[in-house]
């Protein structure tokens, strides 16, 4: 994607659109459950990546979760909780 015109007519999913009828998306709830948020700066990117990953990789292994999330940097170093949240999401728990 190089310009806004490249997404014309396509479905765009944002973090604001994940919840339904006041219910958090399973990934958002996992981040709450596992206390995977600190400053919040990186959280939207982590959650959106985790949503796409969980959708395409139910039951993924820890190694797959780590690889999928490796492009994101958390300045608070909350990686253990973030990975636990994504693992919860992909396990369907």
PDB file of N, CA and C in Angstrom:
ATOM      1  N   UNK A   1       0.858  -1.174   0.000  1.00  0.00           N
ATOM      2  CA  UNK A   1       0.000   0.000   0.000  1.00  0.00           C
ATOM      3  C   UNK A   1       0.896   1.226   0.000  1.00  0.00           C
ATOM      4  N   UNK A   2       0.685   2.060  -0.981  1.00  0.00           N
ATOM      5  CA  UNK A   2       1.509   3.265  -1.081  1.00  0.00           C
ATOM      6  C   UNK A   2       0.708   4.552  -0.916  1.00  0.00           C
ATOM      7  N   UNK A   3      -0.608   4.470  -1.060  1.00  0.00           N
ATOM      8  CA  UNK A   3      -1.428   5.672  -0.872  1.00  0.00           C
ATOM      9  C   UNK A   3      -2.805   5.273  -0.359  1.00  0.00           C
ATOM     10  N   UNK A   4      -3.536   6.249   0.112  1.00  0.00           N
ATOM     11  CA  UNK A   4      -4.875   6.004   0.623  1.00  0.00           C
ATOM     12  C   UNK A   4      -5.779   5.415  -0.464  1.00  0.00           C
ATOM     13  N   UNK A   5      -5.522   5.757  -1.689  1.00  0.00           N
ATOM     14  CA  UNK A   5      -6.306   5.216  -2.792  1.00  0.00           C
ATOM     15  C   UNK A   5      -6.173   3.714  -2.938  1.00  0.00           C
ATOM     16  N   UNK A   6      -5.061   3.156  -2.456  1.00  0.00           N
ATOM     17  CA  UNK A   6      -4.838   1.712  -2.546  1.00  0.00           C
ATOM     18  C   UNK A   6      -5.811   0.917  -1.693  1.00  0.00           C
ATOM     19  N   UNK A   7      -6.435   1.558  -0.711  1.00  0.00           N
ATOM     20  CA  UNK A   7      -7.361   0.834   0.166  1.00  0.00           C
ATOM     21  C   UNK A   7      -8.818   1.182  -0.114  1.00  0.00           C
ATOM     22  N   UNK A   8      -9.040   1.994  -1.113  1.00  0.00           N
ATOM     23  CA  UNK A   8     -10.409   2.362  -1.460  1.00  0.00           C
ATOM     24  C   UNK A   8     -11.241   1.118  -1.745  1.00  0.00           C
ATOM     25  N   UNK A   9     -12.384   1.027  -1.073  1.00  0.00           N
ATOM     26  CA  UNK A   9     -13.291  -0.089  -1.270  1.00  0.00           C
ATOM     27  C   UNK A   9     -12.909  -1.350  -0.506  1.00  0.00           C
ATOM     28  N   UNK A  10     -11.841  -1.302   0.284  1.00  0.00           N
ATOM     29  CA  UNK A  10     -11.405  -2.471   1.042  1.00  0.00           C
ATOM     30  C   UNK A  10     -11.824  -2.334   2.499  1.00  0.00           C
ATOM     31  N   UNK A  11     -11.951  -3.461   3.160  1.00  0.00           N
ATOM     32  CA  UNK A  11     -12.296  -3.490   4.580  1.00  0.00           C
ATOM     33  C   UNK A  11     -11.063  -3.121   5.397  1.00  0.00           C
ATOM     34  N   UNK A  12     -11.203  -2.119   6.257  1.00  0.00           N
ATOM     35  CA  UNK A  12     -10.119  -1.694   7.135  1.00  0.00           C
ATOM     36  C   UNK A  12     -10.545  -1.992   8.564  1.00  0.00           C
ATOM     37  N   UNK A  13      -9.747  -2.748   9.270  1.00  0.00           N
ATOM     38  CA  UNK A  13     -10.052  -3.085  10.660  1.00  0.00           C
ATOM     39  C   UNK A  13      -9.107  -2.313  11.570  1.00  0.00           C
ATOM     40  N   UNK A  14      -9.672  -1.602  12.543  1.00  0.00           N
ATOM     41  CA  UNK A  14      -8.875  -0.848  13.500  1.00  0.00           C
ATOM     42  C   UNK A  14      -9.166  -1.351  14.906  1.00  0.00           C
ATOM     43  N   UNK A  15      -8.329  -0.978  15.834  1.00  0.00           N
ATOM     44  CA  UNK A  15      -8.535  -1.404  17.221  1.00  0.00           C
ATOM     45  C   UNK A  15      -9.860  -0.883  17.763  1.00  0.00           C
ATOM     46  N   UNK A  16     -10.283   0.288  17.307  1.00  0.00           N
ATOM     47  CA  UNK A  16     -11.547   0.856  17.773  1.00  0.00           C
ATOM     48  C   UNK A  16     -12.744   0.029  17.327  1.00  0.00           C
ATOM     49  N   UNK A  17     -12.598  -0.727  16.266  1.00  0.00           N
ATOM     50  CA  UNK A  17     -13.699  -1.516  15.745  1.00  0.00           C
ATOM     51  C   UNK A  17     -13.708  -2.975  16.186  1.00  0.00           C
ATOM     52  N   UNK A  18     -12.818  -3.347  17.080  1.00  0.00           N
ATOM     53  CA  UNK A  18     -12.737  -4.749  17.482  1.00  0.00           C
ATOM     54  C   UNK A  18     -13.852  -5.181  18.422  1.00  0.00           C
ATOM     55  N   UNK A  19     -14.247  -4.312  19.327  1.00  0.00           N
ATOM     56  CA  UNK A  19     -15.280  -4.710  20.283  1.00  0.00           C
ATOM     57  C   UNK A  19     -16.638  -4.731  19.600  1.00  0.00           C
ATOM     58  N   UNK A  20     -17.529  -5.573  20.123  1.00  0.00           N
ATOM     59  CA  UNK A  20     -18.869  -5.719  19.565  1.00  0.00           C
ATOM     60  C   UNK A  20     -19.875  -5.618  20.694  1.00  0.00           C
ATOM     61  N   UNK A  21     -20.833  -4.718  20.544  1.00  0.00           N
ATOM     62  CA  UNK A  21     -21.896  -4.554  21.545  1.00  0.00           C
ATOM     63  C   UNK A  21     -21.336  -4.411  22.957  1.00  0.00           C
ATOM     64  N   UNK A  22     -20.276  -3.639  23.095  1.00  0.00           N
ATOM     65  CA  UNK A  22     -19.684  -3.395  24.402  1.00  0.00           C
ATOM     66  C   UNK A  22     -18.803  -4.506  24.935  1.00  0.00           C
ATOM     67  N   UNK A  23     -18.649  -5.581  24.175  1.00  0.00           N
ATOM     68  CA  UNK A  23     -17.810  -6.711  24.576  1.00  0.00           C
ATOM     69  C   UNK A  23     -16.449  -6.582  23.907  1.00  0.00           C
ATOM     70  N   UNK A  24     -15.400  -6.700  24.693  1.00  0.00           N
ATOM     71  CA  UNK A  24     -14.062  -6.669  24.126  1.00  0.00           C
ATOM     72  C   UNK A  24     -13.838  -7.880  23.230  1.00  0.00           C
ATOM     73  N   UNK A  25     -13.040  -7.692  22.216  1.00  0.00           N
ATOM     74  CA  UNK A  25     -12.580  -8.802  21.382  1.00  0.00           C
ATOM     75  C   UNK A  25     -11.769  -9.741  22.286  1.00  0.00           C
ATOM     76  N   UNK A  26     -11.701 -11.012  21.959  1.00  0.00           N
ATOM     77  CA  UNK A  26     -10.982 -11.989  22.775  1.00  0.00           C
ATOM     78  C   UNK A  26      -9.527 -11.597  23.012  1.00  0.00           C
ATOM     79  N   UNK A  27      -8.887 -10.999  22.018  1.00  0.00           N
ATOM     80  CA  UNK A  27      -7.491 -10.575  22.185  1.00  0.00           C
ATOM     81  C   UNK A  27      -7.423  -9.397  23.146  1.00  0.00           C
ATOM     82  N   UNK A  28      -8.322  -8.435  22.998  1.00  0.00           N
ATOM     83  CA  UNK A  28      -8.341  -7.315  23.932  1.00  0.00           C
ATOM     84  C   UNK A  28      -8.553  -7.821  25.356  1.00  0.00           C
ATOM     85  N   UNK A  29      -9.483  -8.766  25.540  1.00  0.00           N
ATOM     86  CA  UNK A  29      -9.750  -9.304  26.863  1.00  0.00           C
ATOM     87  C   UNK A  29      -8.534 -10.038  27.404  1.00  0.00           C
ATOM     88  N   UNK A  30      -7.828 -10.746  26.548  1.00  0.00           N
ATOM     89  CA  UNK A  30      -6.621 -11.451  26.975  1.00  0.00           C
ATOM     90  C   UNK A  30      -5.568 -10.464  27.464  1.00  0.00           C
ATOM     91  N   UNK A  31      -5.444  -9.326  26.803  1.00  0.00           N
ATOM     92  CA  UNK A  31      -4.488  -8.309  27.241  1.00  0.00           C
ATOM     93  C   UNK A  31      -4.871  -7.763  28.615  1.00  0.00           C
ATOM     94  N   UNK A  32      -6.166  -7.625  28.874  1.00  0.00           N
ATOM     95  CA  UNK A  32      -6.625  -7.204  30.197  1.00  0.00           C
ATOM     96  C   UNK A  32      -6.349  -8.314  31.213  1.00  0.00           C
ATOM     97  N   UNK A  33      -6.742  -9.533  30.880  1.00  0.00           N
ATOM     98  CA  UNK A  33      -6.582 -10.663  31.792  1.00  0.00           C
ATOM     99  C   UNK A  33      -5.129 -10.870  32.210  1.00  0.00           C
ATOM    100  N   UNK A  34      -4.221 -10.709  31.277  1.00  0.00           N
ATOM    101  CA  UNK A  34      -2.799 -10.986  31.527  1.00  0.00           C
ATOM    102  C   UNK A  34      -2.009  -9.728  31.892  1.00  0.00           C
ATOM    103  N   UNK A  35      -2.715  -8.617  32.101  1.00  0.00           N
ATOM    104  CA  UNK A  35      -2.076  -7.339  32.454  1.00  0.00           C
ATOM    105  C   UNK A  35      -0.942  -7.017  31.479  1.00  0.00           C
ATOM    106  N   UNK A  36      -1.269  -7.086  30.205  1.00  0.00           N
ATOM    107  CA  UNK A  36      -0.269  -6.912  29.161  1.00  0.00           C
ATOM    108  C   UNK A  36      -0.137  -5.466  28.693  1.00  0.00           C
ATOM    109  N   UNK A  37      -0.672  -4.538  29.466  1.00  0.00           N
ATOM    110  CA  UNK A  37      -0.571  -3.132  29.089  1.00  0.00           C
ATOM    111  C   UNK A  37       0.117  -2.357  30.197  1.00  0.00           C
ATOM    112  N   UNK A  38       1.015  -1.491  29.809  1.00  0.00           N
ATOM    113  CA  UNK A  38       1.605  -0.587  30.784  1.00  0.00           C
ATOM    114  C   UNK A  38       1.369   0.834  30.295  1.00  0.00           C
ATOM    115  N   UNK A  39       2.275   1.384  29.519  1.00  0.00           N
ATOM    116  CA  UNK A  39       2.088   2.772  29.081  1.00  0.00           C
ATOM    117  C   UNK A  39       1.018   2.876  27.991  1.00  0.00           C
ATOM    118  N   UNK A  40       0.797   1.811  27.241  1.00  0.00           N
ATOM    119  CA  UNK A  40      -0.226   1.809  26.201  1.00  0.00           C
ATOM    120  C   UNK A  40       0.245   2.238  24.834  1.00  0.00           C
ATOM    121  N   UNK A  41       1.466   2.717  24.730  1.00  0.00           N
ATOM    122  CA  UNK A  41       1.962   3.223  23.452  1.00  0.00           C
ATOM    123  C   UNK A  41       1.991   2.145  22.375  1.00  0.00           C
ATOM    124  N   UNK A  42       2.442   0.947  22.712  1.00  0.00           N
ATOM    125  CA  UNK A  42       2.601  -0.116  21.723  1.00  0.00           C
ATOM    126  C   UNK A  42       1.388  -1.034  21.622  1.00  0.00           C
ATOM    127  N   UNK A  43       0.461  -0.909  22.564  1.00  0.00           N
ATOM    128  CA  UNK A  43      -0.627  -1.875  22.684  1.00  0.00           C
ATOM    129  C   UNK A  43      -1.485  -2.010  21.422  1.00  0.00           C
ATOM    130  N   UNK A  44      -1.905  -0.924  20.771  1.00  0.00           N
ATOM    131  CA  UNK A  44      -2.730  -1.118  19.566  1.00  0.00           C
ATOM    132  C   UNK A  44      -2.042  -1.962  18.492  1.00  0.00           C
ATOM    133  N   UNK A  45      -0.761  -1.725  18.273  1.00  0.00           N
ATOM    134  CA  UNK A  45      -0.034  -2.526  17.281  1.00  0.00           C
ATOM    135  C   UNK A  45       0.074  -3.980  17.680  1.00  0.00           C
ATOM    136  N   UNK A  46       0.364  -4.213  18.961  1.00  0.00           N
ATOM    137  CA  UNK A  46       0.426  -5.590  19.453  1.00  0.00           C
ATOM    138  C   UNK A  46      -0.924  -6.280  19.287  1.00  0.00           C
ATOM    139  N   UNK A  47      -1.984  -5.598  19.682  1.00  0.00           N
ATOM    140  CA  UNK A  47      -3.314  -6.212  19.616  1.00  0.00           C
ATOM    141  C   UNK A  47      -3.724  -6.492  18.184  1.00  0.00           C
ATOM    142  N   UNK A  48      -3.526  -5.557  17.284  1.00  0.00           N
ATOM    143  CA  UNK A  48      -3.941  -5.779  15.895  1.00  0.00           C
ATOM    144  C   UNK A  48      -3.145  -6.908  15.250  1.00  0.00           C
ATOM    145  N   UNK A  49      -1.855  -6.994  15.542  1.00  0.00           N
ATOM    146  CA  UNK A  49      -1.058  -8.108  15.039  1.00  0.00           C
ATOM    147  C   UNK A  49      -1.541  -9.419  15.637  1.00  0.00           C
ATOM    148  N   UNK A  50      -1.827  -9.402  16.941  1.00  0.00           N
ATOM    149  CA  UNK A  50      -2.299 -10.613  17.617  1.00  0.00           C
ATOM    150  C   UNK A  50      -3.662 -11.055  17.089  1.00  0.00           C
ATOM    151  N   UNK A  51      -4.537 -10.116  16.777  1.00  0.00           N
ATOM    152  CA  UNK A  51      -5.853 -10.460  16.225  1.00  0.00           C
ATOM    153  C   UNK A  51      -5.688 -11.208  14.904  1.00  0.00           C
ATOM    154  N   UNK A  52      -4.886 -10.649  14.014  1.00  0.00           N
ATOM    155  CA  UNK A  52      -4.675 -11.292  12.714  1.00  0.00           C
ATOM    156  C   UNK A  52      -3.991 -12.651  12.889  1.00  0.00           C
ATOM    157  N   UNK A  53      -3.006 -12.703  13.771  1.00  0.00           N
ATOM    158  CA  UNK A  53      -2.290 -13.957  14.001  1.00  0.00           C
ATOM    159  C   UNK A  53      -3.221 -15.013  14.592  1.00  0.00           C
ATOM    160  N   UNK A  54      -3.987 -14.652  15.609  1.00  0.00           N
ATOM    161  CA  UNK A  54      -4.898 -15.610  16.256  1.00  0.00           C
ATOM    162  C   UNK A  54      -5.953 -16.118  15.284  1.00  0.00           C
ATOM    163  N   UNK A  55      -6.420 -15.230  14.421  1.00  0.00           N
ATOM    164  CA  UNK A  55      -7.433 -15.617  13.427  1.00  0.00           C
ATOM    165  C   UNK A  55      -6.881 -16.678  12.475  1.00  0.00           C
ATOM    166  N   UNK A  56      -5.627 -16.516  12.095  1.00  0.00           N
ATOM    167  CA  UNK A  56      -5.030 -17.413  11.108  1.00  0.00           C
ATOM    168  C   UNK A  56      -4.291 -18.604  11.712  1.00  0.00           C
ATOM    169  N   UNK A  57      -4.042 -18.569  13.035  1.00  0.00           N
ATOM    170  CA  UNK A  57      -3.203 -19.590  13.655  1.00  0.00           C
ATOM    171  C   UNK A  57      -3.747 -20.069  14.995  1.00  0.00           C
ATOM    172  N   UNK A  58      -4.995 -20.547  15.031  1.00  0.00           N
ATOM    173  CA  UNK A  58      -5.503 -21.038  16.312  1.00  0.00           C
ATOM    174  C   UNK A  58      -4.645 -22.212  16.791  1.00  0.00           C
ATOM    175  N   UNK A  59      -4.360 -22.220  18.091  1.00  0.00           N
ATOM    176  CA  UNK A  59      -3.553 -23.295  18.644  1.00  0.00           C
ATOM    177  C   UNK A  59      -2.069 -23.183  18.361  1.00  0.00           C
ATOM    178  N   UNK A  60      -1.611 -22.002  17.967  1.00  0.00           N
ATOM    179  CA  UNK A  60      -0.199 -21.809  17.636  1.00  0.00           C
ATOM    180  C   UNK A  60       0.692 -22.097  18.840  1.00  0.00           C
ATOM    181  N   UNK A  61       1.902 -22.520  18.560  1.00  0.00           N
ATOM    182  CA  UNK A  61       2.877 -22.799  19.615  1.00  0.00           C
ATOM    183  C   UNK A  61       3.473 -21.494  20.140  1.00  0.00           C
ATOM    184  N   UNK A  62       4.139 -21.583  21.286  1.00  0.00           N
ATOM    185  CA  UNK A  62       4.803 -20.401  21.855  1.00  0.00           C
ATOM    186  C   UNK A  62       5.832 -19.845  20.870  1.00  0.00           C
ATOM    187  N   UNK A  63       6.566 -20.723  20.219  1.00  0.00           N
ATOM    188  CA  UNK A  63       7.582 -20.274  19.259  1.00  0.00           C
ATOM    189  C   UNK A  63       6.934 -19.492  18.109  1.00  0.00           C
ATOM    190  N   UNK A  64       5.777 -19.948  17.651  1.00  0.00           N
ATOM    191  CA  UNK A  64       5.070 -19.236  16.590  1.00  0.00           C
ATOM    192  C   UNK A  64       4.569 -17.878  17.082  1.00  0.00           C
ATOM    193  N   UNK A  65       4.085 -17.830  18.317  1.00  0.00           N
ATOM    194  CA  UNK A  65       3.630 -16.563  18.897  1.00  0.00           C
ATOM    195  C   UNK A  65       4.792 -15.589  18.998  1.00  0.00           C
ATOM    196  N   UNK A  66       5.919 -16.047  19.509  1.00  0.00           N
ATOM    197  CA  UNK A  66       7.096 -15.192  19.640  1.00  0.00           C
ATOM    198  C   UNK A  66       7.513 -14.656  18.269  1.00  0.00           C
ATOM    199  N   UNK A  67       7.552 -15.513  17.273  1.00  0.00           N
ATOM    200  CA  UNK A  67       7.941 -15.083  15.922  1.00  0.00           C
ATOM    201  C   UNK A  67       6.950 -14.067  15.363  1.00  0.00           C
ATOM    202  N   UNK A  68       5.659 -14.301  15.564  1.00  0.00           N
ATOM    203  CA  UNK A  68       4.640 -13.401  15.029  1.00  0.00           C
ATOM    204  C   UNK A  68       4.703 -12.023  15.673  1.00  0.00           C
ATOM    205  N   UNK A  69       5.057 -11.974  16.942  1.00  0.00           N
ATOM    206  CA  UNK A  69       5.052 -10.706  17.670  1.00  0.00           C
ATOM    207  C   UNK A  69       6.414 -10.024  17.677  1.00  0.00           C
ATOM    208  N   UNK A  70       7.411 -10.632  17.090  1.00  0.00           N
ATOM    209  CA  UNK A  70       8.783 -10.139  17.199  1.00  0.00           C
ATOM    210  C   UNK A  70       9.040  -8.789  16.533  1.00  0.00           C
ATOM    211  N   UNK A  71       8.191  -8.359  15.641  1.00  0.00           N
ATOM    212  CA  UNK A  71       8.410  -7.081  14.975  1.00  0.00           C
ATOM    213  C   UNK A  71       8.023  -5.887  15.843  1.00  0.00           C
ATOM    214  N   UNK A  72       7.320  -6.142  16.942  1.00  0.00           N
ATOM    215  CA  UNK A  72       6.865  -5.058  17.815  1.00  0.00           C
ATOM    216  C   UNK A  72       7.827  -4.844  18.975  1.00  0.00           C
ATOM    217  N   UNK A  73       8.037  -3.597  19.295  1.00  0.00           N
ATOM    218  CA  UNK A  73       8.917  -3.239  20.393  1.00  0.00           C
ATOM    219  C   UNK A  73       8.081  -2.609  21.502  1.00  0.00           C
ATOM    220  N   UNK A  74       8.270  -3.108  22.705  1.00  0.00           N
ATOM    221  CA  UNK A  74       7.591  -2.569  23.886  1.00  0.00           C
ATOM    222  C   UNK A  74       8.650  -1.878  24.738  1.00  0.00           C
ATOM    223  N   UNK A  75       8.550  -0.575  24.865  1.00  0.00           N
ATOM    224  CA  UNK A  75       9.561   0.145  25.640  1.00  0.00           C
ATOM    225  C   UNK A  75       9.458  -0.133  27.131  1.00  0.00           C
ATOM    226  N   UNK A  76       8.318  -0.663  27.589  1.00  0.00           N
ATOM    227  CA  UNK A  76       8.157  -1.002  29.012  1.00  0.00           C
ATOM    228  C   UNK A  76       8.671  -2.406  29.312  1.00  0.00           C
ATOM    229  N   UNK A  77       9.037  -3.136  28.278  1.00  0.00           N
ATOM    230  CA  UNK A  77       9.561  -4.507  28.426  1.00  0.00           C
ATOM    231  C   UNK A  77       8.548  -5.436  29.077  1.00  0.00           C
ATOM    232  N   UNK A  78       7.319  -5.333  28.661  1.00  0.00           N
ATOM    233  CA  UNK A  78       6.241  -6.149  29.204  1.00  0.00           C
ATOM    234  C   UNK A  78       6.025  -7.407  28.364  1.00  0.00           C
ATOM    235  N   UNK A  79       7.076  -7.875  27.732  1.00  0.00           N
ATOM    236  CA  UNK A  79       6.964  -9.000  26.809  1.00  0.00           C
ATOM    237  C   UNK A  79       6.365 -10.266  27.424  1.00  0.00           C
ATOM    238  N   UNK A  80       6.722 -10.652  28.642  1.00  0.00           N
ATOM    239  CA  UNK A  80       6.131 -11.882  29.181  1.00  0.00           C
ATOM    240  C   UNK A  80       4.601 -11.815  29.235  1.00  0.00           C
ATOM    241  N   UNK A  81       4.054 -10.693  29.646  1.00  0.00           N
ATOM    242  CA  UNK A  81       2.604 -10.560  29.735  1.00  0.00           C
ATOM    243  C   UNK A  81       1.971 -10.467  28.354  1.00  0.00           C
ATOM    244  N   UNK A  82       2.624  -9.787  27.435  1.00  0.00           N
ATOM    245  CA  UNK A  82       2.110  -9.678  26.068  1.00  0.00           C
ATOM    246  C   UNK A  82       2.057 -11.072  25.433  1.00  0.00           C
ATOM    247  N   UNK A  83       3.134 -11.820  25.566  1.00  0.00           N
ATOM    248  CA  UNK A  83       3.144 -13.180  24.996  1.00  0.00           C
ATOM    249  C   UNK A  83       2.110 -14.067  25.655  1.00  0.00           C
ATOM    250  N   UNK A  84       1.936 -13.925  26.972  1.00  0.00           N
ATOM    251  CA  UNK A  84       0.907 -14.710  27.675  1.00  0.00           C
ATOM    252  C   UNK A  84      -0.479 -14.366  27.156  1.00  0.00           C
ATOM    253  N   UNK A  85      -0.720 -13.087  26.882  1.00  0.00           N
ATOM    254  CA  UNK A  85      -2.022 -12.668  26.349  1.00  0.00           C
ATOM    255  C   UNK A  85      -2.267 -13.251  24.961  1.00  0.00           C
ATOM    256  N   UNK A  86      -1.271 -13.214  24.104  1.00  0.00           N
ATOM    257  CA  UNK A  86      -1.429 -13.756  22.754  1.00  0.00           C
ATOM    258  C   UNK A  86      -1.598 -15.272  22.822  1.00  0.00           C
ATOM    259  N   UNK A  87      -0.865 -15.918  23.701  1.00  0.00           N
ATOM    260  CA  UNK A  87      -1.027 -17.371  23.871  1.00  0.00           C
ATOM    261  C   UNK A  87      -2.454 -17.707  24.339  1.00  0.00           C
ATOM    262  N   UNK A  88      -2.996 -16.894  25.248  1.00  0.00           N
ATOM    263  CA  UNK A  88      -4.383 -17.108  25.680  1.00  0.00           C
ATOM    264  C   UNK A  88      -5.327 -16.964  24.508  1.00  0.00           C
ATOM    265  N   UNK A  89      -5.100 -15.948  23.692  1.00  0.00           N
ATOM    266  CA  UNK A  89      -5.988 -15.689  22.550  1.00  0.00           C
ATOM    267  C   UNK A  89      -5.953 -16.818  21.529  1.00  0.00           C
ATOM    268  N   UNK A  90      -4.769 -17.328  21.238  1.00  0.00           N
ATOM    269  CA  UNK A  90      -4.683 -18.386  20.221  1.00  0.00           C
ATOM    270  C   UNK A  90      -5.151 -19.730  20.765  1.00  0.00           C
ATOM    271  N   UNK A  91      -5.164 -19.876  22.086  1.00  0.00           N
ATOM    272  CA  UNK A  91      -5.630 -21.141  22.667  1.00  0.00           C
ATOM    273  C   UNK A  91      -7.138 -21.184  22.777  1.00  0.00           C
ATOM    274  N   UNK A  92      -7.780 -20.019  22.623  1.00  0.00           N
ATOM    275  CA  UNK A  92      -9.221 -19.964  22.719  1.00  0.00           C
ATOM    276  C   UNK A  92      -9.734 -19.959  24.155  1.00  0.00           C
ATOM    277  N   UNK A  93      -8.811 -19.817  25.101  1.00  0.00           N
ATOM    278  CA  UNK A  93      -9.202 -19.828  26.527  1.00  0.00           C
ATOM    279  C   UNK A  93      -9.883 -18.536  26.921  1.00  0.00           C
TER     280      UNK A  93
END
